[in-house]
Amino acid sequence: MARRRRAEMLEETRAKLIDAARAAFAEKGYAGASMDELTARAGLTRGALYHHFGDKRGLLAAVVDRLDSEMAARAHEIGQRHANAWEGLLAEGGAYIELARDPEIQRIVLLDGPAVLGDPSQWPSQNRCLLATMTTLEALSREGVVKPVDVEAAARLINGAALNAALWVAASDDADVLDRATDAFRQLASGLLALAPSTSPS
């Protein structure tokens, strides 16, 4: 019981630090949030931060992982509303791109994240998204919805397109960039279709 309680306390401490850092990074950005402020918000010491995350960069990585996972989950939920798996995949990608307009996501995941942590395609959260996209494409391939293609390569290109579109939207002040990005994403992804969608005669 003591070991279990200790594990629960460690997890609570970790969650407090992530929550505090998430609020501070959203408000002030990574560079503007000090270590002392992060720990004070959580009601903890620097020692707790070092123990769980190593340093401020490690804490940012944990916050980005949580936020990016939330983005993927929200996008997936939107995709699941479509009975058609292909349309669901496109809707999921479009929703991920649209979430780049969320101020918290924009600042932490799409601006500070790449600047501090490096290539987003190497993040654990992006690798989880890749596996999910591969699973979807494998099913669509078996059903003959998409052309015969290397599933991993196609999944990497689809996810990369959505990620880079989101990065573009986050960094741009153009009012129409979201519409342009989502339209181009759909056009690019649709090149995988085995047959172009047919149009019923009017």
C-alpha atoms as a PDB file:
ATOM      1  CA  MET A   1       0.000   0.000   0.000  1.00  0.00           C
ATOM      2  CA  ALA A   2       2.826   2.392   0.894  1.00  0.00           C
ATOM      3  CA  ARG A   3       4.454   1.821  -2.494  1.00  0.00           C
ATOM      4  CA  ARG A   4       1.151   2.405  -4.262  1.00  0.00           C
ATOM      5  CA  ARG A   5       0.530   5.610  -2.314  1.00  0.00           C
ATOM      6  CA  ARG A   6       4.034   6.832  -3.142  1.00  0.00           C
ATOM      7  CA  ALA A   7       3.424   6.184  -6.841  1.00  0.00           C
ATOM      8  CA  GLU A   8       0.141   8.113  -6.628  1.00  0.00           C
ATOM      9  CA  MET A   9       1.884  11.054  -4.907  1.00  0.00           C
ATOM     10  CA  LEU A  10       4.600  11.121  -7.561  1.00  0.00           C
ATOM     11  CA  GLU A  11       1.967  11.151 -10.290  1.00  0.00           C
ATOM     12  CA  GLU A  12       0.077  13.953  -8.524  1.00  0.00           C
ATOM     13  CA  THR A  13       3.275  16.007  -8.283  1.00  0.00           C
ATOM     14  CA  ARG A  14       4.019  15.420 -11.964  1.00  0.00           C
ATOM     15  CA  ALA A  15       0.473  16.442 -12.945  1.00  0.00           C
ATOM     16  CA  LYS A  16       0.675  19.628 -10.829  1.00  0.00           C
ATOM     17  CA  LEU A  17       3.900  20.665 -12.537  1.00  0.00           C
ATOM     18  CA  ILE A  18       2.487  19.986 -16.002  1.00  0.00           C
ATOM     19  CA  ASP A  19      -0.699  21.937 -15.234  1.00  0.00           C
ATOM     20  CA  ALA A  20       1.264  24.876 -13.823  1.00  0.00           C
ATOM     21  CA  ALA A  21       3.682  24.910 -16.750  1.00  0.00           C
ATOM     22  CA  ARG A  22       0.843  24.675 -19.258  1.00  0.00           C
ATOM     23  CA  ALA A  23      -0.774  27.795 -17.775  1.00  0.00           C
ATOM     24  CA  ALA A  24       2.531  29.688 -17.563  1.00  0.00           C
ATOM     25  CA  PHE A  25       3.702  28.767 -21.071  1.00  0.00           C
ATOM     26  CA  ALA A  26       0.320  29.742 -22.519  1.00  0.00           C
ATOM     27  CA  GLU A  27       0.390  33.085 -20.733  1.00  0.00           C
ATOM     28  CA  LYS A  28       4.046  34.094 -21.070  1.00  0.00           C
ATOM     29  CA  GLY A  29       5.603  31.689 -23.536  1.00  0.00           C
ATOM     30  CA  TYR A  30       8.449  29.288 -22.819  1.00  0.00           C
ATOM     31  CA  ALA A  31      11.134  31.968 -22.652  1.00  0.00           C
ATOM     32  CA  GLY A  32       9.060  34.275 -20.448  1.00  0.00           C
ATOM     33  CA  ALA A  33       8.145  31.677 -17.801  1.00  0.00           C
ATOM     34  CA  SER A  34      10.828  31.317 -15.108  1.00  0.00           C
ATOM     35  CA  MET A  35      11.625  28.113 -13.226  1.00  0.00           C
ATOM     36  CA  ASP A  36      10.719  29.806  -9.935  1.00  0.00           C
ATOM     37  CA  GLU A  37       7.347  30.879 -11.324  1.00  0.00           C
ATOM     38  CA  LEU A  38       6.593  27.380 -12.612  1.00  0.00           C
ATOM     39  CA  THR A  39       7.305  25.737  -9.270  1.00  0.00           C
ATOM     40  CA  ALA A  40       5.541  28.466  -7.267  1.00  0.00           C
ATOM     41  CA  ARG A  41       2.375  28.028  -9.351  1.00  0.00           C
ATOM     42  CA  ALA A  42       2.444  24.315  -8.528  1.00  0.00           C
ATOM     43  CA  GLY A  43       3.262  24.920  -4.865  1.00  0.00           C
ATOM     44  CA  LEU A  44       6.406  22.801  -5.241  1.00  0.00           C
ATOM     45  CA  THR A  45      10.182  23.174  -5.263  1.00  0.00           C
ATOM     46  CA  ARG A  46      12.741  23.221  -8.050  1.00  0.00           C
ATOM     47  CA  GLY A  47      13.892  19.842  -6.758  1.00  0.00           C
ATOM     48  CA  ALA A  48      10.528  18.329  -7.705  1.00  0.00           C
ATOM     49  CA  LEU A  49      10.812  19.754 -11.216  1.00  0.00           C
ATOM     50  CA  TYR A  50      14.342  18.405 -11.654  1.00  0.00           C
ATOM     51  CA  HIS A  51      13.334  15.006 -10.282  1.00  0.00           C
ATOM     52  CA  HIS A  52      10.422  14.538 -12.672  1.00  0.00           C
ATOM     53  CA  PHE A  53      11.557  16.356 -15.815  1.00  0.00           C
ATOM     54  CA  GLY A  54      15.276  17.045 -15.553  1.00  0.00           C
ATOM     55  CA  ASP A  55      14.966  20.692 -16.530  1.00  0.00           C
ATOM     56  CA  LYS A  56      12.614  23.305 -17.986  1.00  0.00           C
ATOM     57  CA  ARG A  57      12.984  21.841 -21.486  1.00  0.00           C
ATOM     58  CA  GLY A  58      11.921  18.432 -20.207  1.00  0.00           C
ATOM     59  CA  LEU A  59       8.859  20.013 -18.628  1.00  0.00           C
ATOM     60  CA  LEU A  60       7.982  21.695 -21.940  1.00  0.00           C
ATOM     61  CA  ALA A  61       8.274  18.309 -23.675  1.00  0.00           C
ATOM     62  CA  ALA A  62       5.737  16.849 -21.217  1.00  0.00           C
ATOM     63  CA  VAL A  63       3.340  19.770 -21.723  1.00  0.00           C
ATOM     64  CA  VAL A  64       3.656  19.536 -25.514  1.00  0.00           C
ATOM     65  CA  ASP A  65       3.073  15.778 -25.387  1.00  0.00           C
ATOM     66  CA  ARG A  66      -0.136  16.257 -23.408  1.00  0.00           C
ATOM     67  CA  LEU A  67      -1.428  19.106 -25.599  1.00  0.00           C
ATOM     68  CA  ASP A  68      -0.542  17.445 -28.892  1.00  0.00           C
ATOM     69  CA  SER A  69      -2.219  14.240 -27.686  1.00  0.00           C
ATOM     70  CA  GLU A  70      -5.309  16.275 -26.806  1.00  0.00           C
ATOM     71  CA  MET A  71      -5.251  17.799 -30.296  1.00  0.00           C
ATOM     72  CA  ALA A  72      -5.094  14.350 -31.858  1.00  0.00           C
ATOM     73  CA  ALA A  73      -7.916  13.063 -29.630  1.00  0.00           C
ATOM     74  CA  ARG A  74     -10.154  16.032 -30.470  1.00  0.00           C
ATOM     75  CA  ALA A  75      -9.428  15.657 -34.181  1.00  0.00           C
ATOM     76  CA  HIS A  76     -10.065  11.895 -34.000  1.00  0.00           C
ATOM     77  CA  GLU A  77     -13.407  12.464 -32.277  1.00  0.00           C
ATOM     78  CA  ILE A  78     -14.450  14.756 -35.133  1.00  0.00           C
ATOM     79  CA  GLY A  79     -13.321  12.171 -37.679  1.00  0.00           C
ATOM     80  CA  GLN A  80     -15.340   9.477 -35.933  1.00  0.00           C
ATOM     81  CA  ARG A  81     -18.559  11.387 -36.620  1.00  0.00           C
ATOM     82  CA  HIS A  82     -18.291  10.343 -40.277  1.00  0.00           C
ATOM     83  CA  ALA A  83     -19.681   6.941 -41.251  1.00  0.00           C
ATOM     84  CA  ASN A  84     -17.266   6.878 -44.209  1.00  0.00           C
ATOM     85  CA  ALA A  85     -13.724   6.082 -42.988  1.00  0.00           C
ATOM     86  CA  TRP A  86     -12.078   8.045 -45.803  1.00  0.00           C
ATOM     87  CA  GLU A  87     -14.099  11.192 -45.092  1.00  0.00           C
ATOM     88  CA  GLY A  88     -13.372  10.630 -41.415  1.00  0.00           C
ATOM     89  CA  LEU A  89      -9.633  10.613 -42.124  1.00  0.00           C
ATOM     90  CA  LEU A  90      -9.871  13.866 -44.092  1.00  0.00           C
ATOM     91  CA  ALA A  91     -12.041  15.466 -41.399  1.00  0.00           C
ATOM     92  CA  GLU A  92      -9.545  14.408 -38.746  1.00  0.00           C
ATOM     93  CA  GLY A  93      -6.677  16.034 -40.636  1.00  0.00           C
ATOM     94  CA  GLY A  94      -8.706  19.177 -41.251  1.00  0.00           C
ATOM     95  CA  ALA A  95      -9.667  19.400 -37.578  1.00  0.00           C
ATOM     96  CA  TYR A  96      -6.012  19.060 -36.532  1.00  0.00           C
ATOM     97  CA  ILE A  97      -5.097  21.944 -38.831  1.00  0.00           C
ATOM     98  CA  GLU A  98      -7.979  24.080 -37.537  1.00  0.00           C
ATOM     99  CA  LEU A  99      -6.852  23.589 -33.930  1.00  0.00           C
ATOM    100  CA  ALA A 100      -3.771  25.644 -34.817  1.00  0.00           C
ATOM    101  CA  ARG A 101      -6.021  28.686 -34.273  1.00  0.00           C
ATOM    102  CA  ASP A 102      -6.380  27.825 -30.570  1.00  0.00           C
ATOM    103  CA  PRO A 103      -4.106  30.345 -28.753  1.00  0.00           C
ATOM    104  CA  GLU A 104      -2.789  27.821 -26.204  1.00  0.00           C
ATOM    105  CA  ILE A 105      -2.009  25.185 -28.841  1.00  0.00           C
ATOM    106  CA  GLN A 106      -0.584  27.770 -31.179  1.00  0.00           C
ATOM    107  CA  ARG A 107       1.866  29.177 -28.683  1.00  0.00           C
ATOM    108  CA  ILE A 108       2.976  26.025 -26.870  1.00  0.00           C
ATOM    109  CA  VAL A 109       2.759  23.214 -29.432  1.00  0.00           C
ATOM    110  CA  LEU A 110       3.284  24.954 -32.763  1.00  0.00           C
ATOM    111  CA  LEU A 111       5.561  27.889 -31.961  1.00  0.00           C
ATOM    112  CA  ASP A 112       7.575  27.213 -28.789  1.00  0.00           C
ATOM    113  CA  GLY A 113       7.540  23.419 -29.208  1.00  0.00           C
ATOM    114  CA  PRO A 114       9.478  23.218 -32.487  1.00  0.00           C
ATOM    115  CA  ALA A 115      11.740  26.131 -31.514  1.00  0.00           C
ATOM    116  CA  VAL A 116      12.851  24.435 -28.280  1.00  0.00           C
ATOM    117  CA  LEU A 117      12.321  20.707 -28.848  1.00  0.00           C
ATOM    118  CA  GLY A 118      13.174  20.451 -32.538  1.00  0.00           C
ATOM    119  CA  ASP A 119      11.522  18.481 -35.348  1.00  0.00           C
ATOM    120  CA  PRO A 120       7.890  17.765 -34.355  1.00  0.00           C
ATOM    121  CA  SER A 121       7.798  14.621 -36.495  1.00  0.00           C
ATOM    122  CA  GLN A 122      10.123  13.040 -33.918  1.00  0.00           C
ATOM    123  CA  TRP A 123       7.857  13.771 -30.935  1.00  0.00           C
ATOM    124  CA  PRO A 124       6.279  10.713 -29.224  1.00  0.00           C
ATOM    125  CA  SER A 125       2.786  12.182 -29.720  1.00  0.00           C
ATOM    126  CA  GLN A 126       3.363  12.436 -33.470  1.00  0.00           C
ATOM    127  CA  ASN A 127       4.559   8.838 -33.601  1.00  0.00           C
ATOM    128  CA  ARG A 128       1.331   7.733 -31.919  1.00  0.00           C
ATOM    129  CA  CYS A 129      -0.634   9.686 -34.538  1.00  0.00           C
ATOM    130  CA  LEU A 130       1.399   8.007 -37.265  1.00  0.00           C
ATOM    131  CA  LEU A 131       0.483   4.540 -35.998  1.00  0.00           C
ATOM    132  CA  ALA A 132      -3.215   5.489 -35.879  1.00  0.00           C
ATOM    133  CA  THR A 133      -3.105   6.822 -39.446  1.00  0.00           C
ATOM    134  CA  MET A 134      -1.344   3.676 -40.644  1.00  0.00           C
ATOM    135  CA  THR A 135      -4.085   1.545 -39.078  1.00  0.00           C
ATOM    136  CA  THR A 136      -6.766   3.563 -40.878  1.00  0.00           C
ATOM    137  CA  LEU A 137      -4.951   3.413 -44.209  1.00  0.00           C
ATOM    138  CA  GLU A 138      -4.389  -0.337 -43.902  1.00  0.00           C
ATOM    139  CA  ALA A 139      -8.138  -0.831 -43.481  1.00  0.00           C
ATOM    140  CA  LEU A 140      -8.902   1.477 -46.416  1.00  0.00           C
ATOM    141  CA  SER A 141      -6.356  -0.359 -48.543  1.00  0.00           C
ATOM    142  CA  ARG A 142      -7.944  -3.735 -47.772  1.00  0.00           C
ATOM    143  CA  GLU A 143     -11.315  -2.299 -48.769  1.00  0.00           C
ATOM    144  CA  GLY A 144      -9.889  -0.986 -52.049  1.00  0.00           C
ATOM    145  CA  VAL A 145     -10.685   2.627 -51.166  1.00  0.00           C
ATOM    146  CA  VAL A 146      -7.100   3.784 -51.665  1.00  0.00           C
ATOM    147  CA  LYS A 147      -4.586   2.809 -54.325  1.00  0.00           C
ATOM    148  CA  PRO A 148      -1.956   0.137 -53.590  1.00  0.00           C
ATOM    149  CA  VAL A 149       0.676   2.119 -51.739  1.00  0.00           C
ATOM    150  CA  ASP A 150       3.289   1.785 -49.017  1.00  0.00           C
ATOM    151  CA  VAL A 151       1.074   2.423 -45.984  1.00  0.00           C
ATOM    152  CA  GLU A 152       3.811   3.831 -43.750  1.00  0.00           C
ATOM    153  CA  ALA A 153       5.009   6.211 -46.466  1.00  0.00           C
ATOM    154  CA  ALA A 154       1.466   7.389 -47.171  1.00  0.00           C
ATOM    155  CA  ALA A 155       0.711   7.850 -43.465  1.00  0.00           C
ATOM    156  CA  ARG A 156       3.900   9.856 -42.961  1.00  0.00           C
ATOM    157  CA  LEU A 157       3.015  12.112 -45.890  1.00  0.00           C
ATOM    158  CA  ILE A 158      -0.592  12.646 -44.744  1.00  0.00           C
ATOM    159  CA  ASN A 159       0.425  13.356 -41.156  1.00  0.00           C
ATOM    160  CA  GLY A 160       3.308  15.526 -42.312  1.00  0.00           C
ATOM    161  CA  ALA A 161       0.972  17.552 -44.512  1.00  0.00           C
ATOM    162  CA  ALA A 162      -1.457  18.122 -41.631  1.00  0.00           C
ATOM    163  CA  LEU A 163       1.340  19.009 -39.205  1.00  0.00           C
ATOM    164  CA  ASN A 164       3.048  21.426 -41.589  1.00  0.00           C
ATOM    165  CA  ALA A 165      -0.279  23.022 -42.478  1.00  0.00           C
ATOM    166  CA  ALA A 166      -0.935  23.539 -38.746  1.00  0.00           C
ATOM    167  CA  LEU A 167       2.529  25.083 -38.318  1.00  0.00           C
ATOM    168  CA  TRP A 168       1.816  27.411 -41.239  1.00  0.00           C
ATOM    169  CA  VAL A 169      -1.562  28.456 -39.826  1.00  0.00           C
ATOM    170  CA  ALA A 170      -0.041  29.085 -36.384  1.00  0.00           C
ATOM    171  CA  ALA A 171       2.715  31.293 -37.781  1.00  0.00           C
ATOM    172  CA  SER A 172       0.589  33.262 -40.267  1.00  0.00           C
ATOM    173  CA  ASP A 173      -1.480  36.411 -39.805  1.00  0.00           C
ATOM    174  CA  ASP A 174      -3.338  35.919 -43.102  1.00  0.00           C
ATOM    175  CA  ALA A 175      -7.086  35.617 -42.549  1.00  0.00           C
ATOM    176  CA  ASP A 176      -7.565  33.067 -45.334  1.00  0.00           C
ATOM    177  CA  VAL A 177      -4.627  30.783 -44.555  1.00  0.00           C
ATOM    178  CA  LEU A 178      -6.754  28.207 -42.707  1.00  0.00           C
ATOM    179  CA  ASP A 179      -9.118  27.724 -45.654  1.00  0.00           C
ATOM    180  CA  ARG A 180      -6.210  27.520 -48.087  1.00  0.00           C
ATOM    181  CA  ALA A 181      -4.361  24.989 -45.932  1.00  0.00           C
ATOM    182  CA  THR A 182      -7.342  22.693 -45.326  1.00  0.00           C
ATOM    183  CA  ASP A 183      -8.391  22.773 -48.989  1.00  0.00           C
ATOM    184  CA  ALA A 184      -4.858  21.915 -50.151  1.00  0.00           C
ATOM    185  CA  PHE A 185      -4.644  19.134 -47.543  1.00  0.00           C
ATOM    186  CA  ARG A 186      -7.824  17.515 -48.854  1.00  0.00           C
ATOM    187  CA  GLN A 187      -6.665  17.831 -52.468  1.00  0.00           C
ATOM    188  CA  LEU A 188      -3.282  16.241 -51.709  1.00  0.00           C
ATOM    189  CA  ALA A 189      -4.714  13.398 -49.638  1.00  0.00           C
ATOM    190  CA  SER A 190      -7.369  12.646 -52.254  1.00  0.00           C
ATOM    191  CA  GLY A 191      -4.615  11.622 -54.664  1.00  0.00           C
ATOM    192  CA  LEU A 192      -4.522   8.329 -52.747  1.00  0.00           C
ATOM    193  CA  LEU A 193      -8.078   7.410 -53.705  1.00  0.00           C
ATOM    194  CA  ALA A 194      -8.391   4.364 -55.929  1.00  0.00           C
ATOM    195  CA  LEU A 195     -11.204   6.029 -57.834  1.00  0.00           C
ATOM    196  CA  ALA A 196     -12.060   9.705 -57.979  1.00  0.00           C
ATOM    197  CA  PRO A 197     -15.393  10.368 -56.242  1.00  0.00           C
ATOM    198  CA  SER A 198     -18.151  10.176 -58.809  1.00  0.00           C
ATOM    199  CA  THR A 199     -20.595  13.013 -59.302  1.00  0.00           C
ATOM    200  CA  SER A 200     -24.232  12.191 -59.727  1.00  0.00           C
ATOM    201  CA  PRO A 201     -25.836  13.788 -62.773  1.00  0.00           C
ATOM    202  CA  SER A 202     -28.204  16.615 -61.898  1.00  0.00           C
END
